Protein backbone atom coordinates (compact mmCIF):
# COMPACT_ATOMS: atom_id res chain seq x y z
CA MET A 1 -28.44 7.00 21.38
CA LEU A 2 -29.87 7.51 17.61
CA ALA A 3 -27.25 4.76 15.96
CA TYR A 4 -26.97 3.59 12.29
CA CYS A 5 -28.21 -0.13 11.40
CA PRO A 6 -25.07 -2.00 10.23
CA PHE A 7 -26.92 -3.25 7.02
CA HIS A 8 -23.82 -1.69 4.65
CA ARG A 9 -22.28 -5.05 6.05
CA PHE A 10 -24.19 -6.93 3.73
CA ARG A 11 -23.62 -7.59 -0.21
CA PRO A 12 -26.85 -7.43 -2.73
CA SER A 13 -28.37 -10.20 -3.02
CA LEU A 14 -31.83 -11.80 -4.27
CA ARG A 15 -31.97 -13.98 -1.83
CA TRP A 16 -30.21 -15.33 1.66
CA PRO A 17 -28.53 -18.06 1.82
CA ASP A 18 -29.78 -21.22 3.56
CA GLY A 19 -33.19 -19.03 4.56
CA TRP A 20 -31.58 -16.98 7.20
CA PHE A 21 -32.30 -13.98 7.80
CA ARG A 22 -29.59 -11.83 10.18
CA TRP A 23 -29.90 -8.33 11.57
CA PRO A 24 -27.83 -6.59 14.86
CA GLN A 25 -29.46 -8.71 17.68
CA LEU A 26 -31.76 -10.81 15.71
CA ARG A 27 -31.68 -14.04 13.78
CA TYR A 28 -34.17 -15.94 12.47
CA ARG A 29 -34.66 -19.51 10.73
CA ASN A 30 -37.51 -19.86 8.47
CA LYS A 31 -38.05 -23.42 7.02
CA SER A 32 -40.53 -22.88 4.00
CA THR A 33 -39.31 -20.04 2.58
CA ILE A 34 -36.73 -17.88 1.85
CA VAL A 35 -36.77 -13.73 3.23
CA ARG A 36 -35.82 -11.73 0.09
CA ARG A 37 -33.71 -8.58 0.64
CA THR A 38 -35.04 -5.86 2.43
CA HIS A 39 -36.13 -2.26 0.23
CA PHE A 40 -32.58 -0.63 2.10
CA GLU A 41 -30.38 -3.21 0.86
CA ALA A 42 -31.94 -3.27 -2.80
CA GLY A 43 -30.61 0.85 -3.48
CA GLU A 44 -26.92 -0.10 -2.90
CA GLN A 45 -26.32 -1.25 -5.98
CA GLN A 46 -27.69 2.02 -7.71
CA PHE A 47 -28.40 5.34 -5.70
CA SER A 48 -31.19 7.80 -7.30
CA ARG A 49 -31.09 10.78 -5.11
CA PRO A 50 -34.67 11.03 -3.46
CA SER A 51 -36.83 14.05 -3.00
CA LEU A 52 -36.06 16.09 -0.52
CA TRP A 53 -39.61 17.82 -0.31
CA LYS A 54 -41.61 14.97 1.01
CA PRO A 55 -39.59 14.60 4.68
CA VAL A 56 -39.34 18.81 4.74
CA GLY A 57 -43.04 19.24 4.49
CA PHE A 58 -43.45 15.88 6.56
CA THR A 59 -41.54 17.62 9.56
CA LEU A 60 -43.27 20.97 9.05
CA ALA A 61 -46.90 19.33 9.39
CA VAL A 62 -45.62 16.96 12.25
CA GLY A 63 -44.36 20.29 13.85
CA CYS A 64 -47.46 22.40 13.27
CA SER A 65 -49.95 19.44 14.22
CA SER A 66 -47.97 19.06 17.78
CA PHE A 67 -47.98 22.32 18.85
CA THR A 68 -51.67 22.38 17.55
CA VAL A 69 -52.86 19.93 19.29
CA ALA A 70 -50.86 20.47 22.64
CA ALA A 71 -52.51 24.31 22.64
CA VAL A 72 -56.00 23.25 22.46
CA VAL A 73 -54.85 20.93 25.19
CA HIS A 74 -53.71 23.10 27.03
CA TYR A 75 -56.30 25.80 27.01
CA GLU A 76 -59.23 22.78 27.28
CA ARG A 77 -57.27 21.70 30.88
CA HIS A 78 -57.23 25.59 32.04
CA LYS A 79 -59.74 27.21 30.64
CA SER A 80 -61.71 26.42 33.63
CA PRO A 81 -59.53 25.63 36.53
CA LEU A 82 -62.31 25.38 39.20
CA ASP A 83 -63.85 22.49 36.96
CA PHE A 84 -60.68 20.95 36.05
CA TRP A 85 -59.68 19.74 39.66
CA ARG A 86 -63.33 19.02 40.86
CA LYS A 87 -63.13 15.92 37.81
CA GLN A 88 -59.96 15.23 39.07
CA LEU A 89 -60.69 14.61 42.67
CA LYS A 90 -63.51 12.73 41.43
CA LEU A 91 -61.17 10.54 39.51
CA GLU A 92 -58.96 10.21 42.33
CA GLU A 93 -61.13 9.24 44.70
CA HIS A 94 -63.06 6.15 42.55
CA THR A 95 -59.82 4.88 41.43
CA PHE A 96 -58.11 4.74 44.93
CA ALA A 97 -61.36 2.88 46.34
CA HIS A 98 -60.88 0.51 43.20
CA VAL A 99 -57.24 -0.23 44.37
CA GLN A 100 -57.84 -0.46 47.73
CA LYS A 101 -59.49 -3.79 47.05
CA ALA A 102 -56.64 -4.95 44.68
CA GLY A 103 -52.99 -6.34 45.83
CA SER A 104 -50.21 -4.23 47.20
CA LEU A 105 -48.32 -4.19 43.47
CA ARG A 106 -50.92 -2.67 42.18
CA GLN A 107 -51.15 -0.08 45.35
CA MET A 108 -47.57 0.66 44.41
CA ILE A 109 -48.10 1.14 41.08
CA HIS A 110 -51.02 3.64 41.99
CA SER A 111 -49.31 5.18 44.38
CA PHE A 112 -46.09 6.26 42.46
CA TRP A 113 -48.55 7.64 39.49
CA LYS A 114 -50.28 9.99 42.00
CA GLN A 115 -47.08 10.97 43.26
CA SER A 116 -45.92 11.94 39.60
CA THR A 117 -46.17 15.13 38.27
CA GLU A 118 -48.45 15.64 34.93
CA LEU A 119 -44.84 16.30 32.96
CA GLN A 120 -43.56 13.06 34.79
CA LYS A 121 -46.54 10.44 33.06
CA VAL A 122 -46.44 12.29 29.59
CA ALA A 123 -42.33 10.91 29.90
CA LEU A 124 -43.98 7.72 31.28
CA GLY A 125 -46.11 7.72 28.53
CA ILE A 126 -43.61 8.03 26.15
CA ILE A 127 -41.09 5.57 27.44
CA ALA A 128 -44.25 3.03 27.75
CA VAL A 129 -44.70 3.52 23.46
CA ASN A 130 -40.50 2.79 23.53
CA THR A 131 -40.57 0.12 25.27
CA PHE A 132 -43.49 -1.50 23.27
CA ILE A 133 -42.08 -0.88 20.28
CA TYR A 134 -38.99 -2.95 21.61
CA LEU A 135 -40.68 -5.73 22.02
CA LEU A 136 -42.66 -5.62 18.54
CA TRP A 137 -38.59 -5.66 17.46
CA GLN A 138 -38.20 -9.00 19.10
CA VAL A 139 -41.13 -10.57 17.18
CA PRO A 140 -39.59 -12.91 14.35
CA SER A 141 -43.06 -12.72 12.25
CA LEU A 142 -42.71 -9.31 12.90
CA ALA A 143 -39.75 -8.55 10.89
CA HIS A 144 -40.31 -7.52 7.68
CA PHE A 145 -42.75 -5.14 9.03
CA MET A 146 -40.69 -3.48 11.41
CA VAL A 147 -37.80 -2.85 8.84
CA ARG A 148 -40.30 -1.47 6.44
CA TRP A 149 -42.00 0.89 8.80
CA PHE A 150 -39.53 1.73 11.97
CA LEU A 151 -36.03 2.19 10.24
CA THR A 152 -35.15 5.91 8.71
CA SER A 153 -33.11 5.87 5.30
CA PRO A 154 -33.04 7.79 1.93
CA THR A 155 -34.93 4.82 0.84
CA ALA A 156 -37.28 4.38 3.36
CA VAL A 157 -41.09 3.62 1.87
CA SER A 158 -42.82 6.24 3.48
CA SER A 159 -41.50 10.04 5.11
CA VAL A 160 -43.04 8.81 8.25
CA THR A 161 -40.40 7.06 9.15
CA LEU A 162 -38.96 9.85 10.38
CA LEU A 163 -41.07 10.09 12.83
CA THR A 164 -41.38 6.10 13.89
CA SER A 165 -38.06 5.62 14.03
CA SER A 166 -37.43 8.05 16.64
CA PHE A 167 -39.48 5.90 18.66
CA SER A 168 -37.62 2.34 17.68
CA HIS A 169 -34.84 0.47 19.39
CA MET A 170 -33.78 -3.03 18.33
CA ASN A 171 -30.72 -3.31 21.17
CA PHE A 172 -32.13 -3.44 25.40
CA TRP A 173 -29.38 -1.38 26.18
CA HIS A 174 -29.96 1.46 23.96
CA LEU A 175 -33.21 1.24 24.95
CA PHE A 176 -32.14 1.41 28.36
CA LEU A 177 -29.38 4.04 28.33
CA ASN A 178 -31.52 6.46 26.47
CA MET A 179 -34.88 5.97 28.51
CA TYR A 180 -32.43 6.86 31.38
CA VAL A 181 -30.79 9.64 30.16
CA PHE A 182 -34.49 10.92 29.00
CA TRP A 183 -35.90 10.51 32.83
CA SER A 184 -32.73 12.00 34.69
CA PHE A 185 -33.49 15.65 32.58
CA LEU A 186 -37.44 15.14 33.58
CA TYR A 187 -36.65 17.34 37.06
CA PRO A 188 -34.86 20.85 35.18
CA LEU A 189 -37.00 20.49 32.57
CA GLU A 190 -40.16 21.06 34.66
CA LYS A 191 -39.07 24.67 35.37
CA ILE A 192 -38.75 25.36 31.78
CA VAL A 193 -42.01 24.09 29.88
CA SER A 194 -45.97 22.77 30.28
CA PRO A 195 -46.64 18.89 30.01
CA GLU A 196 -48.54 19.66 26.60
CA ALA A 197 -45.43 21.97 25.16
CA PHE A 198 -42.75 19.12 26.54
CA LEU A 199 -44.67 16.39 24.42
CA ALA A 200 -44.67 18.37 21.14
CA LEU A 201 -41.42 19.35 21.60
CA TYR A 202 -40.09 15.78 22.39
CA VAL A 203 -42.01 14.61 18.91
CA THR A 204 -41.17 17.92 16.73
CA GLY A 205 -37.83 17.24 18.06
CA GLY A 206 -37.11 13.63 16.80
CA VAL A 207 -38.55 14.28 12.97
CA THR A 208 -36.38 17.30 13.11
CA SER A 209 -33.03 14.94 14.36
CA GLY A 210 -34.52 12.37 11.24
CA LEU A 211 -34.86 15.39 8.58
CA ALA A 212 -31.15 16.39 9.57
CA SER A 213 -29.59 12.23 9.24
CA HIS A 214 -32.18 12.80 5.99
CA LEU A 215 -30.48 15.09 4.47
CA VAL A 216 -26.41 14.52 5.32
CA LYS A 217 -27.20 10.79 3.76
CA VAL A 218 -28.91 12.31 0.74
CA PHE A 219 -25.98 14.96 0.14
CA ARG A 220 -23.51 11.91 0.95
CA SER A 221 -25.61 9.19 -1.24
CA SER A 222 -25.61 6.98 1.59
CA LEU A 223 -27.94 4.61 2.51
CA SER A 224 -27.71 3.27 6.21
CA PRO A 225 -30.90 2.97 7.87
CA SER A 226 -30.75 4.56 11.47
CA LEU A 227 -33.24 4.15 14.56
CA GLY A 228 -33.60 5.43 18.08
CA ALA A 229 -34.84 8.21 20.42
CA SER A 230 -31.59 10.28 21.05
CA GLY A 231 -32.82 12.64 18.46
CA ALA A 232 -35.83 13.88 20.45
CA LEU A 233 -33.94 13.76 23.55
CA LEU A 234 -30.83 15.48 23.21
CA ALA A 235 -33.79 17.83 21.62
CA VAL A 236 -34.81 17.93 25.83
CA VAL A 237 -31.20 17.93 26.39
CA GLY A 238 -29.86 21.09 24.42
CA MET A 239 -32.82 22.75 25.54
CA VAL A 240 -31.63 22.20 28.98
CA CYS A 241 -28.05 22.61 29.44
CA PHE A 242 -28.51 25.66 27.24
CA SER A 243 -31.34 27.65 29.57
CA MET A 244 -28.84 26.27 33.03
CA PRO A 245 -25.03 26.33 32.01
CA ASP A 246 -24.04 25.75 35.53
CA LEU A 247 -26.31 22.16 36.09
CA LYS A 248 -23.99 19.59 37.15
CA LEU A 249 -24.46 16.42 34.94
CA HIS A 250 -23.03 13.30 35.75
CA ILE A 251 -21.90 11.19 33.09
CA VAL A 252 -23.96 7.20 32.90
CA PHE A 253 -20.52 5.24 33.68
CA LEU A 254 -18.50 7.87 35.11
CA PRO A 255 -20.46 8.64 38.35
CA TRP A 256 -18.67 10.36 39.87
CA LEU A 257 -17.36 12.56 37.36
CA THR A 258 -19.17 15.94 37.06
CA ILE A 259 -19.46 18.81 34.43
CA PRO A 260 -21.19 21.57 33.76
CA ALA A 261 -24.01 21.45 31.47
CA GLY A 262 -22.86 24.24 29.19
CA LYS A 263 -19.28 22.64 28.84
CA GLY A 264 -21.02 19.75 28.59
CA LEU A 265 -23.58 20.57 25.42
CA LEU A 266 -20.63 22.48 23.84
CA GLY A 267 -18.35 19.27 23.93
CA LEU A 268 -21.12 16.68 22.52
CA MET A 269 -21.76 19.53 19.60
CA GLY A 270 -18.18 19.14 18.93
CA ILE A 271 -18.22 15.55 19.04
CA ASP A 272 -21.28 15.14 16.98
CA LEU A 273 -19.86 18.24 14.66
CA ALA A 274 -16.40 15.91 13.78
CA GLY A 275 -18.47 12.96 13.01
CA VAL A 276 -20.51 14.61 10.65
CA LEU A 277 -17.60 16.19 9.06
CA LEU A 278 -15.18 13.00 9.44
CA ARG A 279 -18.19 10.75 8.55
CA TRP A 280 -18.22 8.65 11.57
CA ARG A 281 -20.81 6.01 11.63
CA PHE A 282 -21.06 4.08 15.21
CA PHE A 283 -23.89 6.86 15.54
CA ASP A 284 -26.03 9.18 13.73
CA HIS A 285 -24.12 12.15 14.36
CA ALA A 286 -26.21 14.22 12.40
CA GLY A 287 -29.66 13.60 13.72
CA HIS A 288 -27.94 13.99 17.05
CA LEU A 289 -26.60 17.41 16.09
CA GLY A 290 -30.27 18.30 14.60
CA GLY A 291 -31.55 17.64 18.09
CA VAL A 292 -29.31 19.55 20.04
CA LEU A 293 -29.86 22.44 17.50
CA PHE A 294 -33.88 22.48 17.69
CA GLY A 295 -33.63 22.32 21.64
CA CYS A 296 -31.55 25.36 21.48
CA TRP A 297 -33.56 27.03 18.89
CA TYR A 298 -36.84 26.15 20.66
CA LEU A 299 -35.68 27.93 24.16
CA LEU A 300 -34.52 30.79 22.32
CA TYR A 301 -36.90 31.68 19.97
CA GLY A 302 -39.67 28.76 20.03
CA GLN A 303 -41.13 29.57 23.20
CA ASN A 304 -42.39 32.92 21.84
CA VAL A 305 -42.51 31.97 18.47
CA LEU A 306 -44.80 28.19 18.79
CA TRP A 307 -45.48 28.43 21.96
CA GLU A 308 -47.38 32.20 22.84
CA SER A 309 -47.36 33.75 19.46
CA TYR A 310 -48.74 30.64 17.53
CA ARG A 311 -50.52 29.26 20.65
CA ARG A 312 -52.50 31.77 20.66
CA ARG A 313 -53.72 31.99 17.28
CA VAL A 314 -54.51 28.55 17.46
CA VAL A 315 -56.64 29.10 20.97
CA GLN A 316 -58.77 32.06 19.06
CA ALA A 317 -59.65 30.04 16.43
CA TRP A 318 -60.22 26.91 18.42
CA LYS A 319 -63.40 29.19 20.50
CA THR A 320 -64.24 30.13 17.30
CA VAL A 321 -64.85 26.87 15.90
CA THR A 322 -66.46 25.98 18.76
CA GLY A 323 -68.51 28.64 19.80
CA GLN A 324 -66.82 29.37 23.13
CA LYS A 325 -66.16 32.86 24.02
């Protein structure tokens, strides 16, 4: 889930004692230099309220860009279905002929990829990106770079961290649980959205979740950084549960217990709302709530506003620019 990073446990100081650099699950020894404090800790002594226009503008820009690209890709893939499937068949034949010469592992991977739906292939790409960024967290030499660009807080160097932090995990179990839940919701999701809209929804949900977290932190004068894909994940969960309230859900750690999706969604929103009001710090409850609300909004209004009306305008403009009829 989207979680806080407990930098608040560290006291502001110009240097780390004994050349150690610490944060959750990571501990690095540097004998030649002493690592200076991060930009998050630098603001703990005095909080200056940051501007809200940049993160709001960045969120709107990412949302519009995501659905614009999705609209163009969707149009190009479906404008001539016969040509598209002819190219796909040629590609599959070439790939299969090449894979037959490879080992059994490669054949298994190819078979799994071939049997996956278009939505699952998009999801596998998202999981791959999240896993790659998790692996970067494990490289000691990249510590400062990751803290600077893959955690988000009101003192972050750029609004870009609203996006990058939504693909970022320090802890393996944080990554595993998020991706497990994400994959488990793909089957019902295929009945609701296209692969292109799904990717745009995921990216926009992640950034919107980060913006909700940012706004609450600014209101509270809090500098706690956070990271995780659960904001984007909960946008997907919110849309599925809101559209299929009678769908039976299993709790990860209690697989024998099932609850209706509608009641589960209400319970989840209630917990996150309580977390925001009572200032619980174990999860980033504001980010969770922002993701769920965006998913519900997309189902109620977004499909008509973004994927129907806006997409038609984008496709018409794309035809004009490219000279297509």
